[in-house]
Amino acid sequence: MIISYARIDDTSVSPERANTSDAGADIFACLTNDIQIEAGDGAVIPTGIKIEIPHGYMIQVMNRSSIASKLGFFKFDWVNFLCISSKDNTGGFAI
């Protein structure tokens, strides 16, 4: 399946697979300034991309590895994903 996307910010980075065997693609933050998120706090991080999600499908953003939990960003007792988005999301994608 091909998922279409558009860069909506000149500084955004296109999604990419780190390895050909990866099940999904990496997405990247698109920030104009550095941000600091304290442990236990949250923030909405823009990606600078717009994703065209096919009818009947969704996008699920998950932790890439256990390093996020080791650094205190996520706890294992939480559901292990950051967000889910469906076809109704037609704006820029943020985490």
C-alpha atoms as a PDB file:
ATOM      1  CA  MET A   1       0.000   0.000   0.000  1.00  0.00           C
ATOM      2  CA  ILE A   2       1.229   3.488  -0.786  1.00  0.00           C
ATOM      3  CA  ILE A   3       0.459   6.238   1.734  1.00  0.00           C
ATOM      4  CA  SER A   4       0.517   9.713   0.209  1.00  0.00           C
ATOM      5  CA  TYR A   5       1.810  12.682   2.162  1.00  0.00           C
ATOM      6  CA  ALA A   6       2.649  16.314   1.528  1.00  0.00           C
ATOM      7  CA  ARG A   7       5.238  18.489   3.206  1.00  0.00           C
ATOM      8  CA  ILE A   8       3.413  21.579   4.474  1.00  0.00           C
ATOM      9  CA  ASP A   9       6.507  23.219   5.934  1.00  0.00           C
ATOM     10  CA  ASP A  10       9.729  23.877   4.027  1.00  0.00           C
ATOM     11  CA  THR A  11      11.796  22.621   6.968  1.00  0.00           C
ATOM     12  CA  SER A  12       9.894  19.333   7.407  1.00  0.00           C
ATOM     13  CA  VAL A  13      11.551  15.963   6.824  1.00  0.00           C
ATOM     14  CA  SER A  14       9.811  13.324   4.711  1.00  0.00           C
ATOM     15  CA  PRO A  15       8.805  10.083   6.488  1.00  0.00           C
ATOM     16  CA  GLU A  16      11.269   7.273   5.798  1.00  0.00           C
ATOM     17  CA  ARG A  17      11.992   3.687   6.693  1.00  0.00           C
ATOM     18  CA  ALA A  18      15.314   3.218   8.471  1.00  0.00           C
ATOM     19  CA  ASN A  19      15.502  -0.353   7.137  1.00  0.00           C
ATOM     20  CA  THR A  20      13.715  -2.033   4.248  1.00  0.00           C
ATOM     21  CA  SER A  21      12.327  -4.649   6.655  1.00  0.00           C
ATOM     22  CA  ASP A  22      10.696  -2.057   8.966  1.00  0.00           C
ATOM     23  CA  ALA A  23       6.934  -2.356   9.404  1.00  0.00           C
ATOM     24  CA  GLY A  24       6.488   1.417   9.443  1.00  0.00           C
ATOM     25  CA  ALA A  25       8.177   4.695   8.694  1.00  0.00           C
ATOM     26  CA  ASP A  26       9.901   7.160  10.996  1.00  0.00           C
ATOM     27  CA  ILE A  27       8.434  10.648  11.251  1.00  0.00           C
ATOM     28  CA  PHE A  28      10.307  13.668  12.514  1.00  0.00           C
ATOM     29  CA  ALA A  29       9.569  16.780  14.548  1.00  0.00           C
ATOM     30  CA  CYS A  30       9.346  20.039  12.637  1.00  0.00           C
ATOM     31  CA  LEU A  31      10.274  22.746  15.130  1.00  0.00           C
ATOM     32  CA  THR A  32      11.308  26.356  14.674  1.00  0.00           C
ATOM     33  CA  ASN A  33      12.653  26.524  18.244  1.00  0.00           C
ATOM     34  CA  ASP A  34      13.968  23.983  20.720  1.00  0.00           C
ATOM     35  CA  ILE A  35      11.438  22.805  23.283  1.00  0.00           C
ATOM     36  CA  GLN A  36      11.902  21.191  26.661  1.00  0.00           C
ATOM     37  CA  ILE A  37       9.381  18.683  27.970  1.00  0.00           C
ATOM     38  CA  GLU A  38       9.700  17.831  31.630  1.00  0.00           C
ATOM     39  CA  ALA A  39       9.063  14.266  32.796  1.00  0.00           C
ATOM     40  CA  GLY A  40       5.322  13.804  33.310  1.00  0.00           C
ATOM     41  CA  ASP A  41       4.421  16.774  31.079  1.00  0.00           C
ATOM     42  CA  GLY A  42       3.083  16.625  27.542  1.00  0.00           C
ATOM     43  CA  ALA A  43       3.335  18.672  24.382  1.00  0.00           C
ATOM     44  CA  VAL A  44       2.000  18.660  20.830  1.00  0.00           C
ATOM     45  CA  ILE A  45       4.887  18.297  18.394  1.00  0.00           C
ATOM     46  CA  PRO A  46       4.250  19.265  14.744  1.00  0.00           C
ATOM     47  CA  THR A  47       5.714  17.117  11.971  1.00  0.00           C
ATOM     48  CA  GLY A  48       5.232  19.565   9.093  1.00  0.00           C
ATOM     49  CA  ILE A  49       3.553  16.878   6.986  1.00  0.00           C
ATOM     50  CA  LYS A  50       0.000  16.127   5.941  1.00  0.00           C
ATOM     51  CA  ILE A  51      -0.897  12.446   5.496  1.00  0.00           C
ATOM     52  CA  GLU A  52      -3.606  11.143   3.168  1.00  0.00           C
ATOM     53  CA  ILE A  53      -5.125   8.210   5.025  1.00  0.00           C
ATOM     54  CA  PRO A  54      -7.078   5.783   2.806  1.00  0.00           C
ATOM     55  CA  HIS A  55     -10.737   5.142   3.651  1.00  0.00           C
ATOM     56  CA  GLY A  56     -11.045   2.348   6.216  1.00  0.00           C
ATOM     57  CA  TYR A  57      -7.468   2.730   7.505  1.00  0.00           C
ATOM     58  CA  MET A  58      -5.743   4.645  10.290  1.00  0.00           C
ATOM     59  CA  ILE A  59      -2.275   5.848  11.202  1.00  0.00           C
ATOM     60  CA  GLN A  60      -0.909   4.691  14.548  1.00  0.00           C
ATOM     61  CA  VAL A  61       2.169   6.339  16.040  1.00  0.00           C
ATOM     62  CA  MET A  62       4.114   4.173  18.468  1.00  0.00           C
ATOM     63  CA  ASN A  63       7.319   4.301  20.485  1.00  0.00           C
ATOM     64  CA  ARG A  64      10.232   3.333  18.296  1.00  0.00           C
ATOM     65  CA  SER A  65      12.061   1.470  21.029  1.00  0.00           C
ATOM     66  CA  SER A  66      12.409   1.122  24.775  1.00  0.00           C
ATOM     67  CA  ILE A  67      14.729   4.134  24.932  1.00  0.00           C
ATOM     68  CA  ALA A  68      11.757   6.483  25.395  1.00  0.00           C
ATOM     69  CA  SER A  69      10.678   4.658  28.546  1.00  0.00           C
ATOM     70  CA  LYS A  70      14.257   4.493  29.832  1.00  0.00           C
ATOM     71  CA  LEU A  71      14.487   8.284  29.520  1.00  0.00           C
ATOM     72  CA  GLY A  72      11.172   8.772  31.336  1.00  0.00           C
ATOM     73  CA  PHE A  73       9.045   9.861  28.382  1.00  0.00           C
ATOM     74  CA  PHE A  74       6.641   6.900  28.503  1.00  0.00           C
ATOM     75  CA  LYS A  75       5.584   4.422  31.128  1.00  0.00           C
ATOM     76  CA  PHE A  76       4.988   0.748  30.443  1.00  0.00           C
ATOM     77  CA  ASP A  77       1.605   0.837  32.208  1.00  0.00           C
ATOM     78  CA  TRP A  78       0.249   3.234  29.555  1.00  0.00           C
ATOM     79  CA  VAL A  79      -1.082   2.058  26.234  1.00  0.00           C
ATOM     80  CA  ASN A  80       2.030   1.878  24.073  1.00  0.00           C
ATOM     81  CA  PHE A  81       1.153   4.388  21.338  1.00  0.00           C
ATOM     82  CA  LEU A  82       1.233   8.148  21.018  1.00  0.00           C
ATOM     83  CA  CYS A  83      -1.740   8.857  18.783  1.00  0.00           C
ATOM     84  CA  ILE A  84      -4.148   7.419  16.268  1.00  0.00           C
ATOM     85  CA  SER A  85      -5.436   9.364  13.308  1.00  0.00           C
ATOM     86  CA  SER A  86      -8.085   8.501  10.724  1.00  0.00           C
ATOM     87  CA  LYS A  87      -9.250   9.829   7.360  1.00  0.00           C
ATOM     88  CA  ASP A  88     -11.069  12.710   9.098  1.00  0.00           C
ATOM     89  CA  ASN A  89      -7.744  14.336  10.013  1.00  0.00           C
ATOM     90  CA  THR A  90      -7.070  16.551   7.020  1.00  0.00           C
ATOM     91  CA  GLY A  91      -4.705  19.055   8.638  1.00  0.00           C
ATOM     92  CA  GLY A  92      -1.056  18.815   9.524  1.00  0.00           C
ATOM     93  CA  PHE A  93      -0.009  15.767  11.494  1.00  0.00           C
ATOM     94  CA  ALA A  94       1.243  16.336  15.048  1.00  0.00           C
ATOM     95  CA  ILE A  95       2.237  14.005  17.858  1.00  0.00           C
END
